[in-house]
N, C-alpha and C. Protein backbone atom coordinates (compact mmCIF):
# COMPACT_ATOMS: atom_id res chain seq x y z
N MET A 1 49.45 15.83 51.71
CA MET A 1 48.43 16.66 51.14
C MET A 1 48.45 16.58 49.61
N LEU A 2 49.58 16.73 49.03
CA LEU A 2 49.71 16.63 47.58
C LEU A 2 49.38 15.21 47.11
N SER A 3 49.78 14.24 47.88
CA SER A 3 49.48 12.85 47.51
C SER A 3 47.98 12.58 47.60
N GLN A 4 47.30 13.21 48.55
CA GLN A 4 45.84 13.06 48.66
C GLN A 4 45.15 13.68 47.45
N GLN A 5 45.62 14.83 47.06
CA GLN A 5 45.03 15.49 45.89
C GLN A 5 45.29 14.66 44.62
N LEU A 6 46.47 14.11 44.54
CA LEU A 6 46.81 13.27 43.39
C LEU A 6 45.93 12.02 43.38
N THR A 7 45.70 11.45 44.54
CA THR A 7 44.84 10.27 44.65
C THR A 7 43.41 10.62 44.22
N LYS A 8 42.93 11.77 44.68
CA LYS A 8 41.58 12.20 44.30
C LYS A 8 41.49 12.40 42.79
N VAL A 9 42.51 13.02 42.21
CA VAL A 9 42.52 13.24 40.76
C VAL A 9 42.53 11.90 40.03
N LEU A 10 43.33 10.96 40.50
CA LEU A 10 43.39 9.64 39.88
C LEU A 10 42.05 8.91 40.01
N ASP A 11 41.42 9.01 41.18
CA ASP A 11 40.11 8.38 41.39
C ASP A 11 39.07 8.98 40.43
N LYS A 12 39.07 10.30 40.38
CA LYS A 12 38.10 10.96 39.50
C LYS A 12 38.39 10.63 38.03
N THR A 13 39.66 10.53 37.68
CA THR A 13 40.03 10.18 36.31
C THR A 13 39.58 8.77 35.98
N SER A 14 39.76 7.83 36.90
CA SER A 14 39.33 6.46 36.64
C SER A 14 37.80 6.38 36.55
N LYS A 15 37.10 7.17 37.38
CA LYS A 15 35.64 7.21 37.29
C LYS A 15 35.20 7.79 35.95
N LEU A 16 35.90 8.82 35.50
CA LEU A 16 35.57 9.42 34.19
C LEU A 16 35.82 8.43 33.06
N ILE A 17 36.91 7.68 33.18
CA ILE A 17 37.21 6.67 32.15
C ILE A 17 36.12 5.60 32.14
N GLU A 18 35.69 5.14 33.31
CA GLU A 18 34.62 4.15 33.40
C GLU A 18 33.32 4.71 32.81
N LEU A 19 33.04 5.95 33.17
CA LEU A 19 31.84 6.58 32.64
C LEU A 19 31.92 6.72 31.12
N CYS A 20 33.09 7.09 30.62
CA CYS A 20 33.30 7.23 29.19
C CYS A 20 33.10 5.89 28.48
N LEU A 21 33.66 4.81 29.06
CA LEU A 21 33.49 3.47 28.46
C LEU A 21 32.02 3.06 28.48
N SER A 22 31.35 3.35 29.58
CA SER A 22 29.93 3.02 29.69
C SER A 22 29.12 3.77 28.63
N LEU A 23 29.43 5.04 28.47
CA LEU A 23 28.72 5.85 27.49
C LEU A 23 29.03 5.40 26.06
N GLN A 24 30.26 4.95 25.83
CA GLN A 24 30.61 4.44 24.50
C GLN A 24 29.82 3.17 24.20
N GLU A 25 29.69 2.28 25.20
CA GLU A 25 28.90 1.06 25.00
C GLU A 25 27.44 1.40 24.72
N GLU A 26 26.91 2.34 25.49
CA GLU A 26 25.52 2.75 25.28
C GLU A 26 25.36 3.37 23.88
N ASN A 27 26.34 4.17 23.47
CA ASN A 27 26.31 4.78 22.15
C ASN A 27 26.33 3.71 21.06
N ASP A 28 27.17 2.70 21.24
CA ASP A 28 27.23 1.61 20.27
C ASP A 28 25.89 0.88 20.19
N LEU A 29 25.29 0.62 21.35
CA LEU A 29 23.99 -0.04 21.35
C LEU A 29 22.92 0.82 20.66
N LEU A 30 22.96 2.12 20.93
CA LEU A 30 22.00 3.01 20.30
C LEU A 30 22.21 3.09 18.79
N LYS A 31 23.47 3.02 18.35
CA LYS A 31 23.75 3.02 16.92
C LYS A 31 23.18 1.76 16.26
N LEU A 32 23.36 0.61 16.93
CA LEU A 32 22.80 -0.64 16.40
C LEU A 32 21.28 -0.57 16.34
N GLU A 33 20.70 -0.06 17.40
CA GLU A 33 19.24 0.07 17.42
C GLU A 33 18.77 1.00 16.30
N ASN A 34 19.49 2.09 16.11
CA ASN A 34 19.15 3.04 15.05
C ASN A 34 19.22 2.38 13.68
N GLN A 35 20.28 1.59 13.45
CA GLN A 35 20.42 0.89 12.18
C GLN A 35 19.26 -0.08 11.97
N SER A 36 18.93 -0.81 13.03
CA SER A 36 17.84 -1.78 12.90
C SER A 36 16.51 -1.08 12.64
N LEU A 37 16.29 0.06 13.28
CA LEU A 37 15.06 0.81 13.05
C LEU A 37 15.02 1.38 11.63
N ASN A 38 16.19 1.80 11.12
CA ASN A 38 16.24 2.30 9.74
C ASN A 38 15.92 1.19 8.75
N VAL A 39 16.44 0.00 9.01
CA VAL A 39 16.13 -1.14 8.14
C VAL A 39 14.63 -1.44 8.19
N ALA A 40 14.07 -1.44 9.39
CA ALA A 40 12.63 -1.70 9.53
C ALA A 40 11.82 -0.63 8.83
N LEU A 41 12.25 0.62 8.94
CA LEU A 41 11.55 1.71 8.28
C LEU A 41 11.58 1.56 6.76
N ARG A 42 12.76 1.22 6.23
CA ARG A 42 12.87 1.00 4.79
C ARG A 42 11.96 -0.14 4.33
N ALA A 43 11.97 -1.21 5.11
CA ALA A 43 11.12 -2.36 4.76
C ALA A 43 9.65 -1.95 4.80
N SER A 44 9.29 -1.17 5.79
CA SER A 44 7.90 -0.70 5.91
C SER A 44 7.52 0.19 4.75
N ARG A 45 8.42 1.08 4.36
CA ARG A 45 8.14 1.96 3.21
C ARG A 45 8.00 1.14 1.93
N ASP A 46 8.89 0.16 1.76
CA ASP A 46 8.80 -0.70 0.57
C ASP A 46 7.46 -1.44 0.54
N LYS A 47 7.07 -1.97 1.69
CA LYS A 47 5.80 -2.69 1.78
C LYS A 47 4.64 -1.76 1.49
N THR A 48 4.72 -0.53 2.00
CA THR A 48 3.67 0.46 1.76
C THR A 48 3.56 0.75 0.26
N LEU A 49 4.69 0.95 -0.40
CA LEU A 49 4.67 1.21 -1.84
C LEU A 49 4.09 0.02 -2.60
N GLU A 50 4.48 -1.18 -2.18
CA GLU A 50 3.96 -2.38 -2.83
C GLU A 50 2.44 -2.47 -2.67
N LEU A 51 1.97 -2.19 -1.45
CA LEU A 51 0.53 -2.25 -1.21
C LEU A 51 -0.21 -1.14 -1.96
N GLU A 52 0.40 0.03 -2.06
CA GLU A 52 -0.22 1.11 -2.84
C GLU A 52 -0.34 0.72 -4.31
N ASP A 53 0.69 0.04 -4.83
CA ASP A 53 0.63 -0.43 -6.21
C ASP A 53 -0.50 -1.46 -6.38
N LYS A 54 -0.64 -2.34 -5.39
CA LYS A 54 -1.71 -3.33 -5.47
C LYS A 54 -3.08 -2.66 -5.42
N VAL A 55 -3.21 -1.63 -4.57
CA VAL A 55 -4.48 -0.90 -4.49
C VAL A 55 -4.80 -0.25 -5.83
N LYS A 56 -3.78 0.36 -6.46
CA LYS A 56 -4.00 0.97 -7.77
C LYS A 56 -4.43 -0.08 -8.79
N ALA A 57 -3.76 -1.24 -8.76
CA ALA A 57 -4.09 -2.30 -9.71
C ALA A 57 -5.52 -2.80 -9.48
N LEU A 58 -5.90 -2.95 -8.21
CA LEU A 58 -7.26 -3.38 -7.90
C LEU A 58 -8.29 -2.34 -8.34
N SER A 59 -7.96 -1.07 -8.16
CA SER A 59 -8.88 -0.02 -8.59
C SER A 59 -9.08 -0.06 -10.09
N VAL A 60 -7.99 -0.24 -10.83
CA VAL A 60 -8.09 -0.33 -12.28
C VAL A 60 -8.92 -1.56 -12.67
N ALA A 61 -8.64 -2.68 -12.01
CA ALA A 61 -9.37 -3.91 -12.32
C ALA A 61 -10.85 -3.75 -12.04
N ARG A 62 -11.17 -3.12 -10.91
CA ARG A 62 -12.58 -2.93 -10.57
C ARG A 62 -13.27 -1.98 -11.55
N SER A 63 -12.56 -0.94 -11.96
CA SER A 63 -13.17 -0.01 -12.91
C SER A 63 -13.39 -0.70 -14.26
N LEU A 64 -12.43 -1.56 -14.66
CA LEU A 64 -12.62 -2.32 -15.90
C LEU A 64 -13.77 -3.30 -15.77
N GLU A 65 -13.86 -3.92 -14.62
CA GLU A 65 -14.95 -4.87 -14.38
C GLU A 65 -16.29 -4.15 -14.43
N ALA A 66 -16.34 -2.97 -13.81
CA ALA A 66 -17.57 -2.18 -13.84
C ALA A 66 -17.92 -1.78 -15.26
N ALA A 67 -16.91 -1.41 -16.04
CA ALA A 67 -17.15 -1.03 -17.44
C ALA A 67 -17.67 -2.23 -18.23
N GLU A 68 -17.09 -3.41 -17.98
CA GLU A 68 -17.55 -4.61 -18.67
C GLU A 68 -18.99 -4.93 -18.28
N THR A 69 -19.31 -4.76 -17.00
CA THR A 69 -20.68 -5.01 -16.54
C THR A 69 -21.64 -4.04 -17.22
N GLU A 70 -21.23 -2.77 -17.32
CA GLU A 70 -22.07 -1.79 -18.02
C GLU A 70 -22.24 -2.18 -19.47
N ASN A 71 -21.16 -2.65 -20.11
CA ASN A 71 -21.25 -3.07 -21.51
C ASN A 71 -22.19 -4.25 -21.66
N VAL A 72 -22.12 -5.21 -20.74
CA VAL A 72 -23.01 -6.37 -20.79
C VAL A 72 -24.44 -5.90 -20.64
N THR A 73 -24.69 -4.99 -19.71
CA THR A 73 -26.03 -4.47 -19.50
C THR A 73 -26.51 -3.74 -20.75
N ILE A 74 -25.63 -2.93 -21.33
CA ILE A 74 -25.99 -2.20 -22.54
C ILE A 74 -26.25 -3.19 -23.68
N ASN A 75 -25.40 -4.22 -23.80
CA ASN A 75 -25.60 -5.24 -24.85
C ASN A 75 -26.92 -5.98 -24.65
N GLU A 76 -27.24 -6.30 -23.40
CA GLU A 76 -28.51 -6.97 -23.12
C GLU A 76 -29.69 -6.08 -23.50
N LYS A 77 -29.58 -4.80 -23.17
CA LYS A 77 -30.65 -3.86 -23.52
C LYS A 77 -30.78 -3.74 -25.03
N THR A 78 -29.63 -3.72 -25.72
CA THR A 78 -29.64 -3.63 -27.17
C THR A 78 -30.31 -4.87 -27.77
N LEU A 79 -29.96 -6.04 -27.24
CA LEU A 79 -30.56 -7.28 -27.75
C LEU A 79 -32.07 -7.30 -27.47
N ASP A 80 -32.48 -6.83 -26.30
CA ASP A 80 -33.91 -6.78 -25.99
C ASP A 80 -34.63 -5.85 -26.96
N THR A 81 -34.01 -4.72 -27.23
CA THR A 81 -34.62 -3.75 -28.16
C THR A 81 -34.72 -4.35 -29.55
N LYS A 82 -33.65 -5.02 -29.99
CA LYS A 82 -33.67 -5.65 -31.32
C LYS A 82 -34.76 -6.71 -31.39
N LYS A 83 -34.91 -7.49 -30.31
CA LYS A 83 -35.93 -8.53 -30.29
C LYS A 83 -37.32 -7.92 -30.39
N LYS A 84 -37.52 -6.84 -29.66
CA LYS A 84 -38.82 -6.17 -29.71
C LYS A 84 -39.11 -5.65 -31.12
N ILE A 85 -38.07 -5.06 -31.72
CA ILE A 85 -38.25 -4.56 -33.09
C ILE A 85 -38.58 -5.71 -34.03
N ASP A 86 -37.88 -6.84 -33.88
CA ASP A 86 -38.17 -8.02 -34.72
C ASP A 86 -39.61 -8.49 -34.50
N ASP A 87 -40.03 -8.50 -33.25
CA ASP A 87 -41.41 -8.91 -32.95
C ASP A 87 -42.41 -7.96 -33.62
N PHE A 88 -42.12 -6.65 -33.55
CA PHE A 88 -43.01 -5.68 -34.20
C PHE A 88 -43.04 -5.89 -35.71
N VAL A 89 -41.89 -6.16 -36.29
CA VAL A 89 -41.82 -6.38 -37.75
C VAL A 89 -42.64 -7.62 -38.11
N ARG A 90 -42.55 -8.68 -37.34
CA ARG A 90 -43.34 -9.90 -37.60
C ARG A 90 -44.85 -9.59 -37.52
N GLU A 91 -45.23 -8.83 -36.51
CA GLU A 91 -46.64 -8.47 -36.36
C GLU A 91 -47.12 -7.65 -37.55
N ILE A 92 -46.25 -6.72 -37.97
CA ILE A 92 -46.62 -5.90 -39.14
C ILE A 92 -46.75 -6.78 -40.37
N ASP A 93 -45.81 -7.72 -40.53
CA ASP A 93 -45.87 -8.65 -41.68
C ASP A 93 -47.15 -9.46 -41.64
N LYS A 94 -47.54 -9.93 -40.45
CA LYS A 94 -48.80 -10.70 -40.32
C LYS A 94 -49.98 -9.84 -40.71
N CYS A 95 -49.95 -8.61 -40.25
CA CYS A 95 -51.07 -7.69 -40.56
C CYS A 95 -51.15 -7.44 -42.06
N ILE A 96 -49.99 -7.25 -42.68
CA ILE A 96 -49.97 -7.00 -44.14
C ILE A 96 -50.49 -8.22 -44.88
N THR A 97 -50.11 -9.41 -44.40
CA THR A 97 -50.55 -10.65 -45.04
C THR A 97 -52.06 -10.78 -44.90
N LEU A 98 -52.60 -10.44 -43.77
CA LEU A 98 -54.03 -10.53 -43.56
C LEU A 98 -54.79 -9.51 -44.43
N LEU A 99 -54.17 -8.38 -44.66
CA LEU A 99 -54.83 -7.35 -45.48
C LEU A 99 -54.86 -7.74 -46.95
N LYS A 100 -53.97 -8.58 -47.39
CA LYS A 100 -53.93 -8.95 -48.81
C LYS A 100 -55.04 -9.86 -49.14
């Protein structure tokens, strides 16, 4: 009777040891997976920051480009206005010459 109980205790102890080893292996695998996911997360965050910087740079470039386009349009309008004024001055000069 005592030997049967001892055998049962030994069997249960060996099963617990096997279960413990199995759980340790699973824990080790989960730790590795966790490390790999952390590395992937860091890489993803770095890439996100890099892309955000590129978006900011593109926004600045586009706003500068838009400003340059506005300046070109304003310069063209200024040149057109100056040309019209020159044309008016020539016409006035012709009229004055004719009046003399």
